[in-house]
PDB file of N, CA and C in Angstrom:
ATOM      1  N   ILE A   1       0.528   1.129 -64.542  1.00  0.00           N
ATOM      2  CA  ILE A   1      -0.244   2.339 -65.197  1.00  0.00           C
ATOM      3  C   ILE A   1      -0.344   3.494 -63.853  1.00  0.00           C
ATOM      4  N   MET A   2       0.140   4.690 -64.524  1.00  0.00           N
ATOM      5  CA  MET A   2       0.112   5.926 -63.738  1.00  0.00           C
ATOM      6  C   MET A   2      -0.948   6.842 -64.039  1.00  0.00           C
ATOM      7  N   TYR A   3      -1.628   7.330 -63.076  1.00  0.00           N
ATOM      8  CA  TYR A   3      -2.698   8.404 -63.331  1.00  0.00           C
ATOM      9  C   TYR A   3      -2.338   9.395 -62.485  1.00  0.00           C
ATOM     10  N   ILE A   4      -2.435  10.494 -63.083  1.00  0.00           N
ATOM     11  CA  ILE A   4      -2.088  11.970 -62.520  1.00  0.00           C
ATOM     12  C   ILE A   4      -3.526  12.845 -62.358  1.00  0.00           C
ATOM     13  N   LEU A   5      -3.678  13.279 -61.266  1.00  0.00           N
ATOM     14  CA  LEU A   5      -4.710  14.351 -61.041  1.00  0.00           C
ATOM     15  C   LEU A   5      -4.296  15.586 -61.172  1.00  0.00           C
ATOM     16  N   ILE A   6      -4.884  16.383 -62.224  1.00  0.00           N
ATOM     17  CA  ILE A   6      -4.513  17.894 -62.320  1.00  0.00           C
ATOM     18  C   ILE A   6      -5.740  18.799 -62.084  1.00  0.00           C
ATOM     19  N   ASP A   7      -5.458  19.495 -61.409  1.00  0.00           N
ATOM     20  CA  ASP A   7      -6.732  20.668 -61.054  1.00  0.00           C
ATOM     21  C   ASP A   7      -6.053  22.110 -61.298  1.00  0.00           C
ATOM     22  N   LYS A   8      -6.678  22.878 -61.903  1.00  0.00           N
ATOM     23  CA  LYS A   8      -6.087  24.373 -62.199  1.00  0.00           C
ATOM     24  C   LYS A   8      -4.804  24.325 -62.579  1.00  0.00           C
ATOM     25  N   GLY A   9      -4.359  23.390 -63.420  1.00  0.00           N
ATOM     26  CA  GLY A   9      -3.208  23.372 -64.134  1.00  0.00           C
ATOM     27  C   GLY A   9      -1.998  22.954 -63.419  1.00  0.00           C
ATOM     28  N   LYS A  10      -2.294  22.409 -62.157  1.00  0.00           N
ATOM     29  CA  LYS A  10      -1.174  21.730 -61.355  1.00  0.00           C
ATOM     30  C   LYS A  10      -1.621  20.477 -60.726  1.00  0.00           C
ATOM     31  N   VAL A  11      -0.442  19.465 -60.887  1.00  0.00           N
ATOM     32  CA  VAL A  11      -0.466  18.300 -60.544  1.00  0.00           C
ATOM     33  C   VAL A  11      -0.799  18.215 -58.903  1.00  0.00           C
ATOM     34  N   ARG A  12      -1.928  17.650 -58.405  1.00  0.00           N
ATOM     35  CA  ARG A  12      -2.272  17.543 -57.277  1.00  0.00           C
ATOM     36  C   ARG A  12      -2.035  16.033 -56.604  1.00  0.00           C
ATOM     37  N   SER A  13      -2.222  15.108 -57.428  1.00  0.00           N
ATOM     38  CA  SER A  13      -2.128  13.825 -56.846  1.00  0.00           C
ATOM     39  C   SER A  13      -1.727  12.820 -57.823  1.00  0.00           C
ATOM     40  N   GLU A  14      -0.976  11.656 -57.685  1.00  0.00           N
ATOM     41  CA  GLU A  14      -0.758  10.611 -58.709  1.00  0.00           C
ATOM     42  C   GLU A  14      -1.025   9.367 -58.036  1.00  0.00           C
ATOM     43  N   CYS A  15      -1.279   8.453 -58.822  1.00  0.00           N
ATOM     44  CA  CYS A  15      -1.520   6.827 -58.355  1.00  0.00           C
ATOM     45  C   CYS A  15      -1.041   5.894 -59.303  1.00  0.00           C
ATOM     46  N   VAL A  16      -0.182   4.897 -58.963  1.00  0.00           N
ATOM     47  CA  VAL A  16       0.203   3.800 -59.843  1.00  0.00           C
ATOM     48  C   VAL A  16      -0.362   2.603 -59.380  1.00  0.00           C
ATOM     49  N   ILE A  17      -0.950   1.994 -60.521  1.00  0.00           N
ATOM     50  CA  ILE A  17      -1.697   0.602 -60.323  1.00  0.00           C
ATOM     51  C   ILE A  17      -0.959  -0.522 -61.151  1.00  0.00           C
ATOM     52  N   THR A  18      -1.186  -1.473 -60.724  1.00  0.00           N
ATOM     53  CA  THR A  18      -0.767  -2.901 -61.478  1.00  0.00           C
ATOM     54  C   THR A  18      -1.835  -3.857 -61.604  1.00  0.00           C
ATOM     55  N   VAL A  19      -1.982  -4.496 -62.456  1.00  0.00           N
ATOM     56  CA  VAL A  19      -2.922  -5.568 -62.647  1.00  0.00           C
ATOM     57  C   VAL A  19      -2.275  -6.935 -62.080  1.00  0.00           C
ATOM     58  N   GLU A  20      -2.739  -7.340 -61.095  1.00  0.00           N
ATOM     59  CA  GLU A  20      -2.508  -8.557 -60.258  1.00  0.00           C
ATOM     60  C   GLU A  20      -2.548  -9.709 -60.789  1.00  0.00           C
ATOM     61  N   ASN A  21      -3.793  -9.988 -61.350  1.00  0.00           N
ATOM     62  CA  ASN A  21      -4.489 -11.180 -61.979  1.00  0.00           C
ATOM     63  C   ASN A  21      -5.707 -10.958 -62.653  1.00  0.00           C
ATOM     64  N   GLY A  22      -6.213 -11.802 -63.278  1.00  0.00           N
ATOM     65  CA  GLY A  22      -7.624 -11.415 -63.890  1.00  0.00           C
ATOM     66  C   GLY A  22      -8.667 -10.797 -63.253  1.00  0.00           C
ATOM     67  N   ASN A  23      -8.485 -10.906 -61.938  1.00  0.00           N
ATOM     68  CA  ASN A  23      -9.515 -10.382 -61.054  1.00  0.00           C
ATOM     69  C   ASN A  23      -9.302  -8.995 -60.235  1.00  0.00           C
ATOM     70  N   THR A  24      -7.990  -8.678 -60.137  1.00  0.00           N
ATOM     71  CA  THR A  24      -7.615  -7.800 -59.122  1.00  0.00           C
ATOM     72  C   THR A  24      -6.722  -6.877 -59.829  1.00  0.00           C
ATOM     73  N   VAL A  25      -6.788  -5.468 -59.349  1.00  0.00           N
ATOM     74  CA  VAL A  25      -5.829  -4.302 -59.797  1.00  0.00           C
ATOM     75  C   VAL A  25      -5.323  -3.736 -58.482  1.00  0.00           C
ATOM     76  N   GLU A  26      -4.058  -3.308 -58.178  1.00  0.00           N
ATOM     77  CA  GLU A  26      -3.774  -3.082 -57.036  1.00  0.00           C
ATOM     78  C   GLU A  26      -2.978  -1.611 -57.047  1.00  0.00           C
ATOM     79  N   ILE A  27      -3.485  -0.958 -56.155  1.00  0.00           N
ATOM     80  CA  ILE A  27      -2.567   0.463 -55.931  1.00  0.00           C
ATOM     81  C   ILE A  27      -1.315   0.328 -55.407  1.00  0.00           C
ATOM     82  N   LYS A  28      -0.331   0.612 -56.215  1.00  0.00           N
ATOM     83  CA  LYS A  28       1.079   0.345 -55.643  1.00  0.00           C
ATOM     84  C   LYS A  28       1.590   1.653 -54.774  1.00  0.00           C
ATOM     85  N   ASN A  29       1.241   2.799 -55.328  1.00  0.00           N
ATOM     86  CA  ASN A  29       1.392   4.091 -54.621  1.00  0.00           C
ATOM     87  C   ASN A  29       0.415   5.088 -55.061  1.00  0.00           C
ATOM     88  N   ILE A  30       0.233   5.934 -53.877  1.00  0.00           N
ATOM     89  CA  ILE A  30      -0.854   6.994 -54.177  1.00  0.00           C
ATOM     90  C   ILE A  30      -0.100   8.243 -53.433  1.00  0.00           C
ATOM     91  N   ALA A  31       0.326   9.306 -53.914  1.00  0.00           N
ATOM     92  CA  ALA A  31       0.620  10.605 -53.193  1.00  0.00           C
ATOM     93  C   ALA A  31       0.007  11.778 -53.618  1.00  0.00           C
ATOM     94  N   THR A  32      -0.107  12.755 -52.782  1.00  0.00           N
ATOM     95  CA  THR A  32      -0.576  13.983 -52.957  1.00  0.00           C
ATOM     96  C   THR A  32       0.200  14.929 -52.224  1.00  0.00           C
ATOM     97  N   TYR A  33       0.668  16.020 -52.908  1.00  0.00           N
ATOM     98  CA  TYR A  33       1.278  17.121 -52.310  1.00  0.00           C
ATOM     99  C   TYR A  33       0.747  17.403 -51.068  1.00  0.00           C
ATOM    100  N   PRO A  34       1.768  17.470 -50.027  1.00  0.00           N
ATOM    101  CA  PRO A  34       1.368  17.941 -48.726  1.00  0.00           C
ATOM    102  C   PRO A  34       0.267  19.159 -48.477  1.00  0.00           C
ATOM    103  N   GLU A  35       0.440  20.141 -49.496  1.00  0.00           N
ATOM    104  CA  GLU A  35      -0.490  21.318 -49.436  1.00  0.00           C
ATOM    105  C   GLU A  35      -1.809  20.871 -49.818  1.00  0.00           C
ATOM    106  N   ASP A  36      -1.999  19.903 -50.621  1.00  0.00           N
ATOM    107  CA  ASP A  36      -3.082  19.665 -51.223  1.00  0.00           C
ATOM    108  C   ASP A  36      -3.858  18.530 -50.495  1.00  0.00           C
ATOM    109  N   GLN A  37      -3.246  17.919 -49.578  1.00  0.00           N
ATOM    110  CA  GLN A  37      -3.748  16.768 -48.740  1.00  0.00           C
ATOM    111  C   GLN A  37      -4.979  17.189 -47.957  1.00  0.00           C
ATOM    112  N   GLY A  38      -6.047  16.319 -47.627  1.00  0.00           N
ATOM    113  CA  GLY A  38      -7.258  16.686 -47.006  1.00  0.00           C
ATOM    114  C   GLY A  38      -8.215  17.318 -47.886  1.00  0.00           C
ATOM    115  N   LYS A  39      -7.984  17.542 -49.161  1.00  0.00           N
ATOM    116  CA  LYS A  39      -8.930  18.377 -49.919  1.00  0.00           C
ATOM    117  C   LYS A  39      -9.692  17.438 -51.129  1.00  0.00           C
ATOM    118  N   GLY A  40      -9.622  16.166 -50.943  1.00  0.00           N
ATOM    119  CA  GLY A  40     -10.294  14.917 -51.622  1.00  0.00           C
ATOM    120  C   GLY A  40      -9.530  14.704 -52.856  1.00  0.00           C
ATOM    121  N   TYR A  41      -8.601  15.103 -53.069  1.00  0.00           N
ATOM    122  CA  TYR A  41      -7.794  14.759 -54.335  1.00  0.00           C
ATOM    123  C   TYR A  41      -7.625  13.307 -54.452  1.00  0.00           C
ATOM    124  N   ALA A  42      -7.001  12.695 -53.477  1.00  0.00           N
ATOM    125  CA  ALA A  42      -6.561  11.055 -53.641  1.00  0.00           C
ATOM    126  C   ALA A  42      -7.840  10.277 -53.637  1.00  0.00           C
ATOM    127  N   LYS A  43      -8.914  10.810 -52.791  1.00  0.00           N
ATOM    128  CA  LYS A  43     -10.276  10.016 -52.752  1.00  0.00           C
ATOM    129  C   LYS A  43     -10.704  10.269 -54.276  1.00  0.00           C
ATOM    130  N   HIS A  44     -10.693  11.351 -54.818  1.00  0.00           N
ATOM    131  CA  HIS A  44     -11.199  11.562 -56.141  1.00  0.00           C
ATOM    132  C   HIS A  44     -10.525  10.534 -57.164  1.00  0.00           C
ATOM    133  N   LEU A  45      -9.275  10.464 -57.024  1.00  0.00           N
ATOM    134  CA  LEU A  45      -8.374   9.764 -57.799  1.00  0.00           C
ATOM    135  C   LEU A  45      -8.736   8.123 -57.718  1.00  0.00           C
ATOM    136  N   ILE A  46      -8.918   7.731 -56.384  1.00  0.00           N
ATOM    137  CA  ILE A  46      -9.330   6.345 -56.218  1.00  0.00           C
ATOM    138  C   ILE A  46     -10.853   6.046 -56.813  1.00  0.00           C
ATOM    139  N   ASN A  47     -11.654   7.070 -56.708  1.00  0.00           N
ATOM    140  CA  ASN A  47     -12.946   6.875 -57.153  1.00  0.00           C
ATOM    141  C   ASN A  47     -12.873   6.587 -58.640  1.00  0.00           C
ATOM    142  N   PHE A  48     -12.163   7.574 -59.478  1.00  0.00           N
ATOM    143  CA  PHE A  48     -12.041   7.276 -60.857  1.00  0.00           C
ATOM    144  C   PHE A  48     -11.403   6.147 -61.251  1.00  0.00           C
ATOM    145  N   ILE A  49     -10.424   5.537 -60.559  1.00  0.00           N
ATOM    146  CA  ILE A  49      -9.991   4.166 -61.073  1.00  0.00           C
ATOM    147  C   ILE A  49     -10.795   3.258 -60.655  1.00  0.00           C
ATOM    148  N   ALA A  50     -11.652   3.290 -59.400  1.00  0.00           N
ATOM    149  CA  ALA A  50     -12.629   2.114 -59.394  1.00  0.00           C
ATOM    150  C   ALA A  50     -13.544   2.074 -60.436  1.00  0.00           C
ATOM    151  N   LYS A  51     -13.955   3.336 -60.811  1.00  0.00           N
ATOM    152  CA  LYS A  51     -14.919   3.453 -61.847  1.00  0.00           C
ATOM    153  C   LYS A  51     -14.590   2.856 -63.294  1.00  0.00           C
ATOM    154  N   LYS A  52     -13.221   3.288 -63.377  1.00  0.00           N
ATOM    155  CA  LYS A  52     -12.551   2.948 -64.713  1.00  0.00           C
ATOM    156  C   LYS A  52     -12.496   1.488 -64.829  1.00  0.00           C
ATOM    157  N   TYR A  53     -12.120   0.672 -63.860  1.00  0.00           N
ATOM    158  CA  TYR A  53     -12.061  -0.672 -63.931  1.00  0.00           C
ATOM    159  C   TYR A  53     -13.006  -1.696 -63.364  1.00  0.00           C
ATOM    160  N   GLN A  54     -14.230  -1.195 -63.072  1.00  0.00           N
ATOM    161  CA  GLN A  54     -15.229  -1.680 -62.633  1.00  0.00           C
ATOM    162  C   GLN A  54     -15.921  -2.833 -63.465  1.00  0.00           C
ATOM    163  N   ASN A  55     -15.793  -2.663 -64.827  1.00  0.00           N
ATOM    164  CA  ASN A  55     -16.397  -3.621 -65.718  1.00  0.00           C
ATOM    165  C   ASN A  55     -15.246  -4.869 -66.137  1.00  0.00           C
ATOM    166  N   LYS A  56     -14.119  -4.429 -65.706  1.00  0.00           N
ATOM    167  CA  LYS A  56     -13.058  -5.352 -66.188  1.00  0.00           C
ATOM    168  C   LYS A  56     -12.478  -6.403 -64.997  1.00  0.00           C
ATOM    169  N   TYR A  57     -12.399  -5.544 -63.732  1.00  0.00           N
ATOM    170  CA  TYR A  57     -11.968  -6.402 -62.658  1.00  0.00           C
ATOM    171  C   TYR A  57     -12.687  -6.359 -61.354  1.00  0.00           C
ATOM    172  N   GLN A  58     -12.646  -7.253 -60.570  1.00  0.00           N
ATOM    173  CA  GLN A  58     -13.531  -7.477 -59.488  1.00  0.00           C
ATOM    174  C   GLN A  58     -13.090  -6.679 -58.008  1.00  0.00           C
ATOM    175  N   ILE A  59     -11.821  -6.621 -58.141  1.00  0.00           N
ATOM    176  CA  ILE A  59     -11.203  -6.227 -56.815  1.00  0.00           C
ATOM    177  C   ILE A  59     -10.146  -5.169 -57.095  1.00  0.00           C
ATOM    178  N   LEU A  60     -10.251  -4.118 -56.302  1.00  0.00           N
ATOM    179  CA  LEU A  60      -9.109  -3.033 -56.183  1.00  0.00           C
ATOM    180  C   LEU A  60      -8.528  -3.294 -54.807  1.00  0.00           C
ATOM    181  N   GLN A  61      -7.308  -3.508 -54.719  1.00  0.00           N
ATOM    182  CA  GLN A  61      -6.405  -3.658 -53.528  1.00  0.00           C
ATOM    183  C   GLN A  61      -5.505  -2.767 -53.215  1.00  0.00           C
ATOM    184  N   VAL A  62      -5.075  -2.473 -52.142  1.00  0.00           N
ATOM    185  CA  VAL A  62      -3.819  -1.689 -51.462  1.00  0.00           C
ATOM    186  C   VAL A  62      -3.308  -2.365 -50.517  1.00  0.00           C
ATOM    187  N   GLY A  63      -1.801  -2.205 -50.339  1.00  0.00           N
ATOM    188  CA  GLY A  63      -1.069  -2.830 -49.233  1.00  0.00           C
ATOM    189  C   GLY A  63      -0.418  -1.415 -48.604  1.00  0.00           C
ATOM    190  N   THR A  64      -0.512  -1.288 -47.450  1.00  0.00           N
ATOM    191  CA  THR A  64       0.030  -0.139 -46.806  1.00  0.00           C
ATOM    192  C   THR A  64       0.418  -0.395 -45.272  1.00  0.00           C
ATOM    193  N   GLY A  65       1.279   0.283 -44.723  1.00  0.00           N
ATOM    194  CA  GLY A  65       1.621   0.093 -43.365  1.00  0.00           C
ATOM    195  C   GLY A  65       0.329   0.540 -42.356  1.00  0.00           C
ATOM    196  N   ASP A  66       0.365  -0.201 -41.118  1.00  0.00           N
ATOM    197  CA  ASP A  66      -0.764  -0.025 -40.372  1.00  0.00           C
ATOM    198  C   ASP A  66      -0.493   1.176 -39.549  1.00  0.00           C
ATOM    199  N   SER A  67      -0.935   2.409 -40.281  1.00  0.00           N
ATOM    200  CA  SER A  67      -0.827   3.939 -39.713  1.00  0.00           C
ATOM    201  C   SER A  67      -2.019   4.261 -39.379  1.00  0.00           C
ATOM    202  N   PRO A  68      -2.068   5.001 -38.348  1.00  0.00           N
ATOM    203  CA  PRO A  68      -3.359   5.752 -38.042  1.00  0.00           C
ATOM    204  C   PRO A  68      -3.809   6.749 -38.883  1.00  0.00           C
ATOM    205  N   LEU A  69      -2.945   7.210 -39.906  1.00  0.00           N
ATOM    206  CA  LEU A  69      -3.493   8.047 -40.893  1.00  0.00           C
ATOM    207  C   LEU A  69      -3.974   7.378 -42.008  1.00  0.00           C
ATOM    208  N   THR A  70      -3.263   6.338 -42.638  1.00  0.00           N
ATOM    209  CA  THR A  70      -3.500   5.621 -43.858  1.00  0.00           C
ATOM    210  C   THR A  70      -4.637   4.803 -43.837  1.00  0.00           C
ATOM    211  N   ILE A  71      -4.870   3.807 -42.794  1.00  0.00           N
ATOM    212  CA  ILE A  71      -5.783   2.912 -42.692  1.00  0.00           C
ATOM    213  C   ILE A  71      -7.156   3.614 -42.779  1.00  0.00           C
ATOM    214  N   PRO A  72      -7.391   4.584 -41.960  1.00  0.00           N
ATOM    215  CA  PRO A  72      -8.772   5.151 -41.911  1.00  0.00           C
ATOM    216  C   PRO A  72      -9.135   6.021 -43.112  1.00  0.00           C
ATOM    217  N   PHE A  73      -7.977   6.315 -43.795  1.00  0.00           N
ATOM    218  CA  PHE A  73      -8.154   7.115 -45.252  1.00  0.00           C
ATOM    219  C   PHE A  73      -8.964   5.969 -46.149  1.00  0.00           C
ATOM    220  N   TYR A  74      -8.461   4.924 -46.173  1.00  0.00           N
ATOM    221  CA  TYR A  74      -8.659   3.851 -47.032  1.00  0.00           C
ATOM    222  C   TYR A  74     -10.107   3.362 -46.741  1.00  0.00           C
ATOM    223  N   GLU A  75     -10.205   3.144 -45.463  1.00  0.00           N
ATOM    224  CA  GLU A  75     -11.593   2.746 -44.956  1.00  0.00           C
ATOM    225  C   GLU A  75     -12.606   3.734 -45.473  1.00  0.00           C
ATOM    226  N   LYS A  76     -12.524   5.027 -45.394  1.00  0.00           N
ATOM    227  CA  LYS A  76     -13.344   5.979 -45.849  1.00  0.00           C
ATOM    228  C   LYS A  76     -13.488   5.976 -47.309  1.00  0.00           C
ATOM    229  N   CYS A  77     -12.821   5.566 -48.078  1.00  0.00           N
ATOM    230  CA  CYS A  77     -12.730   5.259 -49.315  1.00  0.00           C
ATOM    231  C   CYS A  77     -13.496   3.982 -49.763  1.00  0.00           C
ATOM    232  N   GLY A  78     -14.019   3.208 -48.946  1.00  0.00           N
ATOM    233  CA  GLY A  78     -14.780   1.983 -49.091  1.00  0.00           C
ATOM    234  C   GLY A  78     -13.906   0.671 -49.099  1.00  0.00           C
ATOM    235  N   PHE A  79     -12.689   0.686 -48.675  1.00  0.00           N
ATOM    236  CA  PHE A  79     -11.819  -0.560 -48.553  1.00  0.00           C
ATOM    237  C   PHE A  79     -12.193  -1.082 -47.113  1.00  0.00           C
ATOM    238  N   LYS A  80     -11.732  -2.379 -47.166  1.00  0.00           N
ATOM    239  CA  LYS A  80     -12.020  -3.336 -46.003  1.00  0.00           C
ATOM    240  C   LYS A  80     -10.777  -4.028 -45.930  1.00  0.00           C
ATOM    241  N   ARG A  81     -10.213  -4.279 -44.534  1.00  0.00           N
ATOM    242  CA  ARG A  81      -9.056  -5.023 -44.307  1.00  0.00           C
ATOM    243  C   ARG A  81      -9.327  -6.336 -44.982  1.00  0.00           C
ATOM    244  N   SER A  82      -8.160  -7.045 -45.724  1.00  0.00           N
ATOM    245  CA  SER A  82      -8.353  -8.342 -46.240  1.00  0.00           C
ATOM    246  C   SER A  82      -7.142  -9.190 -45.912  1.00  0.00           C
ATOM    247  N   GLY A  83      -6.006  -8.698 -45.427  1.00  0.00           N
ATOM    248  CA  GLY A  83      -4.919  -9.516 -45.142  1.00  0.00           C
ATOM    249  C   GLY A  83      -3.768  -8.800 -44.695  1.00  0.00           C
ATOM    250  N   LYS A  84      -2.860  -9.411 -44.262  1.00  0.00           N
ATOM    251  CA  LYS A  84      -1.521  -8.896 -43.485  1.00  0.00           C
ATOM    252  C   LYS A  84      -0.390  -9.559 -43.764  1.00  0.00           C
ATOM    253  N   ILE A  85       0.805  -8.985 -43.973  1.00  0.00           N
ATOM    254  CA  ILE A  85       2.140  -9.681 -44.144  1.00  0.00           C
ATOM    255  C   ILE A  85       2.921  -9.265 -42.907  1.00  0.00           C
ATOM    256  N   LYS A  86       3.124 -10.027 -42.027  1.00  0.00           N
ATOM    257  CA  LYS A  86       3.470  -9.855 -40.807  1.00  0.00           C
ATOM    258  C   LYS A  86       5.121  -9.331 -40.930  1.00  0.00           C
ATOM    259  N   ASP A  87       5.534  -8.381 -40.111  1.00  0.00           N
ATOM    260  CA  ASP A  87       7.032  -7.804 -40.296  1.00  0.00           C
ATOM    261  C   ASP A  87       7.372  -7.395 -41.571  1.00  0.00           C
ATOM    262  N   PHE A  88       6.646  -7.009 -42.362  1.00  0.00           N
ATOM    263  CA  PHE A  88       6.801  -6.639 -43.648  1.00  0.00           C
ATOM    264  C   PHE A  88       7.943  -5.482 -43.734  1.00  0.00           C
ATOM    265  N   PHE A  89       7.634  -4.326 -43.105  1.00  0.00           N
ATOM    266  CA  PHE A  89       8.485  -3.133 -43.011  1.00  0.00           C
ATOM    267  C   PHE A  89       9.701  -3.394 -42.408  1.00  0.00           C
ATOM    268  N   VAL A  90       9.587  -4.360 -41.364  1.00  0.00           N
ATOM    269  CA  VAL A  90      11.023  -4.710 -40.532  1.00  0.00           C
ATOM    270  C   VAL A  90      11.946  -5.548 -41.293  1.00  0.00           C
ATOM    271  N   LYS A  91      11.410  -6.217 -41.968  1.00  0.00           N
ATOM    272  CA  LYS A  91      12.377  -7.303 -42.766  1.00  0.00           C
ATOM    273  C   LYS A  91      12.751  -6.889 -44.172  1.00  0.00           C
ATOM    274  N   ASN A  92      12.011  -5.726 -44.831  1.00  0.00           N
ATOM    275  CA  ASN A  92      12.284  -5.318 -46.048  1.00  0.00           C
ATOM    276  C   ASN A  92      12.871  -3.814 -46.334  1.00  0.00           C
ATOM    277  N   TYR A  93      13.110  -3.276 -44.904  1.00  0.00           N
ATOM    278  CA  TYR A  93      13.994  -1.937 -45.048  1.00  0.00           C
ATOM    279  C   TYR A  93      15.031  -1.916 -44.053  1.00  0.00           C
ATOM    280  N   ASP A  94      15.943  -1.340 -44.301  1.00  0.00           N
ATOM    281  CA  ASP A  94      17.275  -1.331 -43.505  1.00  0.00           C
ATOM    282  C   ASP A  94      17.197  -0.215 -42.199  1.00  0.00           C
ATOM    283  N   HIS A  95      16.027   0.369 -42.005  1.00  0.00           N
ATOM    284  CA  HIS A  95      15.951   1.166 -41.033  1.00  0.00           C
ATOM    285  C   HIS A  95      14.256   1.347 -40.650  1.00  0.00           C
ATOM    286  N   PRO A  96      14.031   1.820 -39.565  1.00  0.00           N
ATOM    287  CA  PRO A  96      12.619   1.609 -38.969  1.00  0.00           C
ATOM    288  C   PRO A  96      11.829   2.739 -39.800  1.00  0.00           C
ATOM    289  N   ILE A  97      10.609   2.594 -40.181  1.00  0.00           N
ATOM    290  CA  ILE A  97       9.948   3.607 -40.904  1.00  0.00           C
ATOM    291  C   ILE A  97       8.750   4.100 -39.964  1.00  0.00           C
ATOM    292  N   PHE A  98       8.464   5.313 -39.881  1.00  0.00           N
ATOM    293  CA  PHE A  98       7.475   5.920 -38.941  1.00  0.00           C
ATOM    294  C   PHE A  98       6.472   6.820 -39.846  1.00  0.00           C
ATOM    295  N   GLU A  99       5.263   6.578 -39.402  1.00  0.00           N
ATOM    296  CA  GLU A  99       4.312   7.518 -39.923  1.00  0.00           C
ATOM    297  C   GLU A  99       3.441   7.959 -38.782  1.00  0.00           C
ATOM    298  N   ALA A 100       3.206   9.334 -38.543  1.00  0.00           N
ATOM    299  CA  ALA A 100       2.405   9.862 -37.470  1.00  0.00           C
ATOM    300  C   ALA A 100       2.884   9.491 -36.081  1.00  0.00           C
ATOM    301  N   GLY A 101       4.286   9.327 -35.941  1.00  0.00           N
ATOM    302  CA  GLY A 101       4.768   8.804 -34.890  1.00  0.00           C
ATOM    303  C   GLY A 101       4.865   7.363 -34.503  1.00  0.00           C
ATOM    304  N   HIS A 102       4.150   6.459 -35.480  1.00  0.00           N
ATOM    305  CA  HIS A 102       3.817   5.077 -35.372  1.00  0.00           C
ATOM    306  C   HIS A 102       4.828   4.374 -36.220  1.00  0.00           C
ATOM    307  N   GLN A 103       5.487   3.283 -35.710  1.00  0.00           N
ATOM    308  CA  GLN A 103       6.407   2.627 -36.405  1.00  0.00           C
ATOM    309  C   GLN A 103       5.503   1.533 -37.211  1.00  0.00           C
ATOM    310  N   LEU A 104       5.826   1.461 -38.501  1.00  0.00           N
ATOM    311  CA  LEU A 104       5.370   0.547 -39.453  1.00  0.00           C
ATOM    312  C   LEU A 104       6.036  -0.886 -39.373  1.00  0.00           C
ATOM    313  N   VAL A 105       5.311  -2.030 -38.962  1.00  0.00           N
ATOM    314  CA  VAL A 105       5.768  -3.069 -38.850  1.00  0.00           C
ATOM    315  C   VAL A 105       5.155  -4.025 -39.988  1.00  0.00           C
ATOM    316  N   ASP A 106       3.959  -4.327 -39.856  1.00  0.00           N
ATOM    317  CA  ASP A 106       3.089  -5.250 -40.791  1.00  0.00           C
ATOM    318  C   ASP A 106       2.809  -4.503 -41.884  1.00  0.00           C
ATOM    319  N   MET A 107       2.492  -5.071 -43.104  1.00  0.00           N
ATOM    320  CA  MET A 107       1.867  -4.586 -44.275  1.00  0.00           C
ATOM    321  C   MET A 107       0.515  -5.091 -44.111  1.00  0.00           C
ATOM    322  N   ILE A 108      -0.527  -4.261 -44.186  1.00  0.00           N
ATOM    323  CA  ILE A 108      -1.801  -4.435 -44.120  1.00  0.00           C
ATOM    324  C   ILE A 108      -2.404  -4.344 -45.502  1.00  0.00           C
ATOM    325  N   TYR A 109      -3.148  -5.361 -45.861  1.00  0.00           N
ATOM    326  CA  TYR A 109      -3.880  -5.161 -47.266  1.00  0.00           C
ATOM    327  C   TYR A 109      -5.238  -4.941 -46.949  1.00  0.00           C
ATOM    328  N   LEU A 110      -5.969  -4.042 -47.939  1.00  0.00           N
ATOM    329  CA  LEU A 110      -7.246  -3.601 -47.872  1.00  0.00           C
ATOM    330  C   LEU A 110      -7.900  -4.013 -49.354  1.00  0.00           C
ATOM    331  N   SER A 111      -9.173  -4.177 -49.427  1.00  0.00           N
ATOM    332  CA  SER A 111      -9.872  -4.229 -50.654  1.00  0.00           C
ATOM    333  C   SER A 111     -11.023  -3.744 -50.833  1.00  0.00           C
ATOM    334  N   LYS A 112     -11.464  -3.492 -52.112  1.00  0.00           N
ATOM    335  CA  LYS A 112     -12.705  -2.936 -52.320  1.00  0.00           C
ATOM    336  C   LYS A 112     -13.217  -3.403 -53.580  1.00  0.00           C
ATOM    337  N   ARG A 113     -14.436  -4.065 -53.588  1.00  0.00           N
ATOM    338  CA  ARG A 113     -15.292  -4.810 -54.785  1.00  0.00           C
ATOM    339  C   ARG A 113     -15.556  -3.679 -55.623  1.00  0.00           C
ATOM    340  N   LEU A 114     -15.464  -4.031 -57.030  1.00  0.00           N
ATOM    341  CA  LEU A 114     -15.469  -3.010 -57.925  1.00  0.00           C
ATOM    342  C   LEU A 114     -16.921  -3.205 -58.736  1.00  0.00           C
ATOM    343  N   ASN A 115     -17.452  -4.488 -58.700  1.00  0.00           N
ATOM    344  CA  ASN A 115     -18.714  -4.658 -59.297  1.00  0.00           C
ATOM    345  C   ASN A 115     -19.652  -5.462 -58.408  1.00  0.00           C
TER     346      ASN A 115
END
């Protein structure tokens, strides 16, 4: 399911979620235009999704690289580290992936209780 946040007639952020099981929904992708980052759009979208699904699911989770930009963002949104897939980015991509000068190696899972 894709959600799009539009403000003042312009798409600012988008989020794709999937239902993983009877208890969990997962953020598969969330993106905000670079000029709109740091303005609260992604956080607002996450809060909307959490509220929308709070009575149907127990957990909202996300998997991401161990980045100094991404992990603190999710933690500020109320997520806590809940797991890791070792060497995910090394084994599943044919080239190194970097974010903020940091090579992504492991997939870090974070989760947030919805109820």
